[in-house]
């Protein structure tokens, strides 16, 4: 099993970025989703079933893939704004 992490921020987006991905169905400033699955395909299927995520746009972003076979820091976040 692996953790698949997709992150996207629209914090600095502008009208010039018309082709920017929009990974969640609702409007957001920052979105992140982490899925535990055996494969990226299975992770995307789970996200599609939830009905909250835009799969076509998630496919445009390569997720961080975290194998669960050793001790490690899973995630960290620092926001200075």
N, C-alpha and C. Protein backbone atom coordinates (compact mmCIF):
# COMPACT_ATOMS: atom_id res chain seq x y z
N UNK A 1 0.84 -1.18 0.00
CA UNK A 1 0.00 0.00 0.00
C UNK A 1 0.88 1.24 0.00
N UNK A 2 0.32 2.30 -0.56
CA UNK A 2 1.01 3.58 -0.64
C UNK A 2 0.03 4.70 -0.29
N UNK A 3 0.59 5.81 0.14
CA UNK A 3 -0.20 7.03 0.28
C UNK A 3 0.03 7.86 -0.98
N UNK A 4 -1.04 8.31 -1.58
CA UNK A 4 -0.97 9.17 -2.76
C UNK A 4 -1.48 10.55 -2.33
N UNK A 5 -0.63 11.56 -2.49
CA UNK A 5 -0.95 12.91 -2.01
C UNK A 5 -0.99 13.87 -3.18
N UNK A 6 -2.15 14.48 -3.39
CA UNK A 6 -2.31 15.53 -4.40
C UNK A 6 -2.49 16.85 -3.66
N UNK A 7 -1.75 17.87 -4.10
CA UNK A 7 -1.87 19.21 -3.52
C UNK A 7 -1.97 20.22 -4.65
N UNK A 8 -2.79 21.24 -4.42
CA UNK A 8 -2.88 22.32 -5.41
C UNK A 8 -3.23 23.61 -4.69
N UNK A 9 -2.57 24.68 -5.07
CA UNK A 9 -2.83 26.00 -4.49
C UNK A 9 -3.18 26.97 -5.60
N UNK A 10 -4.21 27.75 -5.36
CA UNK A 10 -4.58 28.81 -6.30
C UNK A 10 -4.26 30.18 -5.69
N UNK A 11 -3.43 30.18 -4.67
CA UNK A 11 -3.11 31.41 -3.94
C UNK A 11 -2.56 32.49 -4.87
N UNK A 12 -1.71 32.14 -5.81
CA UNK A 12 -1.09 33.13 -6.69
C UNK A 12 -1.60 33.03 -8.13
N UNK A 13 -2.77 32.45 -8.32
CA UNK A 13 -3.30 32.32 -9.68
C UNK A 13 -3.84 33.67 -10.16
N UNK A 14 -3.91 33.80 -11.47
CA UNK A 14 -4.44 35.02 -12.06
C UNK A 14 -5.21 34.64 -13.32
N UNK A 15 -5.83 35.61 -13.95
CA UNK A 15 -6.58 35.35 -15.17
C UNK A 15 -5.69 34.84 -16.28
N UNK A 16 -4.39 35.08 -16.18
CA UNK A 16 -3.48 34.59 -17.22
C UNK A 16 -3.27 33.08 -17.12
N UNK A 17 -3.74 32.47 -16.05
CA UNK A 17 -3.58 31.03 -15.85
C UNK A 17 -4.90 30.32 -16.11
N UNK A 18 -5.48 30.54 -17.27
CA UNK A 18 -6.80 29.99 -17.57
C UNK A 18 -6.81 28.47 -17.65
N UNK A 19 -5.67 27.87 -17.93
CA UNK A 19 -5.61 26.41 -18.06
C UNK A 19 -5.15 25.73 -16.77
N UNK A 20 -5.19 26.44 -15.68
CA UNK A 20 -4.75 25.90 -14.39
C UNK A 20 -5.73 24.81 -13.93
N UNK A 21 -5.22 23.74 -13.32
CA UNK A 21 -6.13 22.68 -12.83
C UNK A 21 -7.05 23.21 -11.72
N UNK A 22 -8.19 22.59 -11.61
CA UNK A 22 -9.15 22.87 -10.53
C UNK A 22 -9.54 21.50 -9.99
N UNK A 23 -8.83 21.05 -8.94
CA UNK A 23 -8.93 19.63 -8.53
C UNK A 23 -10.15 19.29 -7.69
N UNK A 24 -10.80 20.28 -7.06
CA UNK A 24 -11.97 20.01 -6.23
C UNK A 24 -13.19 20.64 -6.86
N UNK A 25 -14.35 20.02 -6.65
CA UNK A 25 -15.60 20.51 -7.26
C UNK A 25 -16.00 21.88 -6.72
N UNK A 26 -15.67 22.19 -5.47
CA UNK A 26 -16.00 23.49 -4.88
C UNK A 26 -14.85 24.46 -5.13
N UNK A 27 -15.14 25.74 -4.97
CA UNK A 27 -14.09 26.74 -5.11
C UNK A 27 -13.17 26.65 -3.88
N UNK A 28 -11.88 26.79 -4.07
CA UNK A 28 -10.93 26.65 -2.98
C UNK A 28 -9.72 27.54 -3.22
N UNK A 29 -8.98 27.78 -2.14
CA UNK A 29 -7.71 28.49 -2.25
C UNK A 29 -6.57 27.47 -2.27
N UNK A 30 -6.66 26.49 -1.38
CA UNK A 30 -5.70 25.39 -1.37
C UNK A 30 -6.47 24.09 -1.14
N UNK A 31 -6.10 23.06 -1.86
CA UNK A 31 -6.76 21.76 -1.70
C UNK A 31 -5.70 20.68 -1.62
N UNK A 32 -5.95 19.70 -0.77
CA UNK A 32 -5.05 18.56 -0.61
C UNK A 32 -5.89 17.34 -0.31
N UNK A 33 -5.53 16.23 -0.91
CA UNK A 33 -6.19 14.97 -0.60
C UNK A 33 -5.12 13.89 -0.54
N UNK A 34 -5.26 12.99 0.44
CA UNK A 34 -4.34 11.88 0.62
C UNK A 34 -5.16 10.60 0.61
N UNK A 35 -4.74 9.64 -0.20
CA UNK A 35 -5.48 8.39 -0.36
C UNK A 35 -4.54 7.22 -0.09
N UNK A 36 -5.00 6.26 0.69
CA UNK A 36 -4.28 5.01 0.91
C UNK A 36 -4.80 4.00 -0.09
N UNK A 37 -3.91 3.52 -0.97
CA UNK A 37 -4.33 2.59 -2.02
C UNK A 37 -3.13 1.78 -2.50
N UNK A 38 -3.41 0.71 -3.21
CA UNK A 38 -2.35 -0.14 -3.75
C UNK A 38 -1.74 0.45 -5.02
N UNK A 39 -2.51 1.30 -5.73
CA UNK A 39 -2.02 1.88 -6.98
C UNK A 39 -2.64 3.26 -7.19
N UNK A 40 -2.04 4.02 -8.08
CA UNK A 40 -2.58 5.34 -8.43
C UNK A 40 -3.97 5.19 -9.04
N UNK A 41 -4.17 4.18 -9.87
CA UNK A 41 -5.47 3.95 -10.48
C UNK A 41 -6.54 3.69 -9.41
N UNK A 42 -6.21 2.89 -8.42
CA UNK A 42 -7.17 2.62 -7.33
C UNK A 42 -7.45 3.89 -6.54
N UNK A 43 -6.43 4.70 -6.29
CA UNK A 43 -6.62 5.97 -5.58
C UNK A 43 -7.57 6.88 -6.34
N UNK A 44 -7.38 6.97 -7.64
CA UNK A 44 -8.26 7.82 -8.46
C UNK A 44 -9.68 7.29 -8.48
N UNK A 45 -9.85 5.98 -8.48
CA UNK A 45 -11.20 5.39 -8.44
C UNK A 45 -11.91 5.77 -7.13
N UNK A 46 -11.19 5.71 -6.02
CA UNK A 46 -11.77 6.08 -4.74
C UNK A 46 -12.18 7.56 -4.73
N UNK A 47 -11.32 8.41 -5.30
CA UNK A 47 -11.64 9.83 -5.36
C UNK A 47 -12.84 10.09 -6.26
N UNK A 48 -12.92 9.38 -7.36
CA UNK A 48 -14.05 9.54 -8.27
C UNK A 48 -15.36 9.15 -7.59
N UNK A 49 -15.33 8.07 -6.83
CA UNK A 49 -16.53 7.61 -6.12
C UNK A 49 -17.00 8.61 -5.07
N UNK A 50 -16.06 9.37 -4.49
CA UNK A 50 -16.45 10.34 -3.46
C UNK A 50 -17.30 11.46 -4.04
N UNK A 51 -17.09 11.77 -5.33
CA UNK A 51 -17.87 12.81 -5.99
C UNK A 51 -17.40 14.23 -5.72
N UNK A 52 -16.30 14.41 -4.99
CA UNK A 52 -15.84 15.75 -4.64
C UNK A 52 -14.66 16.24 -5.46
N UNK A 53 -14.04 15.36 -6.23
CA UNK A 53 -12.77 15.67 -6.88
C UNK A 53 -12.89 15.60 -8.39
N UNK A 54 -12.21 16.51 -9.09
CA UNK A 54 -12.18 16.53 -10.56
C UNK A 54 -11.04 15.64 -11.04
N UNK A 55 -11.37 14.44 -11.45
CA UNK A 55 -10.37 13.44 -11.81
C UNK A 55 -9.52 13.88 -12.99
N UNK A 56 -10.13 14.50 -13.98
CA UNK A 56 -9.37 14.93 -15.17
C UNK A 56 -8.26 15.90 -14.77
N UNK A 57 -8.53 16.78 -13.82
CA UNK A 57 -7.51 17.73 -13.38
C UNK A 57 -6.50 17.08 -12.44
N UNK A 58 -6.94 16.12 -11.63
CA UNK A 58 -5.98 15.39 -10.79
C UNK A 58 -4.97 14.63 -11.65
N UNK A 59 -5.41 14.15 -12.81
CA UNK A 59 -4.50 13.44 -13.71
C UNK A 59 -3.40 14.35 -14.26
N UNK A 60 -3.63 15.66 -14.23
CA UNK A 60 -2.62 16.61 -14.71
C UNK A 60 -1.53 16.88 -13.69
N UNK A 61 -1.76 16.47 -12.44
CA UNK A 61 -0.81 16.70 -11.35
C UNK A 61 -0.27 15.35 -10.90
N UNK A 62 1.03 15.21 -10.89
CA UNK A 62 1.64 13.95 -10.41
C UNK A 62 1.61 13.96 -8.88
N UNK A 63 0.98 12.96 -8.26
CA UNK A 63 0.90 12.96 -6.80
C UNK A 63 2.24 12.59 -6.17
N UNK A 64 2.43 13.00 -4.94
CA UNK A 64 3.55 12.49 -4.15
C UNK A 64 3.14 11.08 -3.74
N UNK A 65 4.01 10.11 -3.94
CA UNK A 65 3.71 8.72 -3.59
C UNK A 65 4.59 8.34 -2.41
N UNK A 66 3.95 7.94 -1.32
CA UNK A 66 4.67 7.61 -0.09
C UNK A 66 4.49 6.12 0.20
N UNK A 67 5.56 5.33 0.04
CA UNK A 67 5.46 3.91 0.38
C UNK A 67 5.41 3.75 1.90
N UNK A 68 4.71 2.74 2.35
CA UNK A 68 4.55 2.52 3.79
C UNK A 68 5.42 1.37 4.28
N UNK A 69 6.66 1.33 3.84
CA UNK A 69 7.54 0.23 4.22
C UNK A 69 8.67 0.63 5.16
N UNK A 70 8.72 1.90 5.57
CA UNK A 70 9.77 2.37 6.47
C UNK A 70 9.27 3.59 7.24
N UNK A 71 9.88 3.82 8.37
CA UNK A 71 9.53 5.00 9.16
C UNK A 71 9.95 6.26 8.42
N UNK A 72 9.10 7.27 8.45
CA UNK A 72 9.42 8.53 7.80
C UNK A 72 8.40 9.59 8.20
N UNK A 73 8.72 10.84 7.93
CA UNK A 73 7.76 11.92 8.11
C UNK A 73 6.78 11.83 6.95
N UNK A 74 5.52 11.77 7.23
CA UNK A 74 4.52 11.63 6.18
C UNK A 74 4.22 12.97 5.54
N UNK A 75 3.94 13.97 6.33
CA UNK A 75 3.62 15.27 5.75
C UNK A 75 3.96 16.37 6.74
N UNK A 76 4.22 17.53 6.22
CA UNK A 76 4.41 18.71 7.05
C UNK A 76 3.89 19.90 6.26
N UNK A 77 3.51 20.93 6.96
CA UNK A 77 2.97 22.10 6.29
C UNK A 77 3.35 23.34 7.09
N UNK A 78 3.87 24.33 6.42
CA UNK A 78 4.20 25.60 7.04
C UNK A 78 3.62 26.70 6.15
N UNK A 79 2.79 27.55 6.73
CA UNK A 79 2.18 28.64 5.98
C UNK A 79 2.45 29.93 6.73
N UNK A 80 3.18 30.83 6.12
CA UNK A 80 3.57 32.06 6.77
C UNK A 80 2.70 33.25 6.37
N UNK A 81 1.52 33.00 5.89
CA UNK A 81 0.67 34.11 5.51
C UNK A 81 -0.60 34.12 6.30
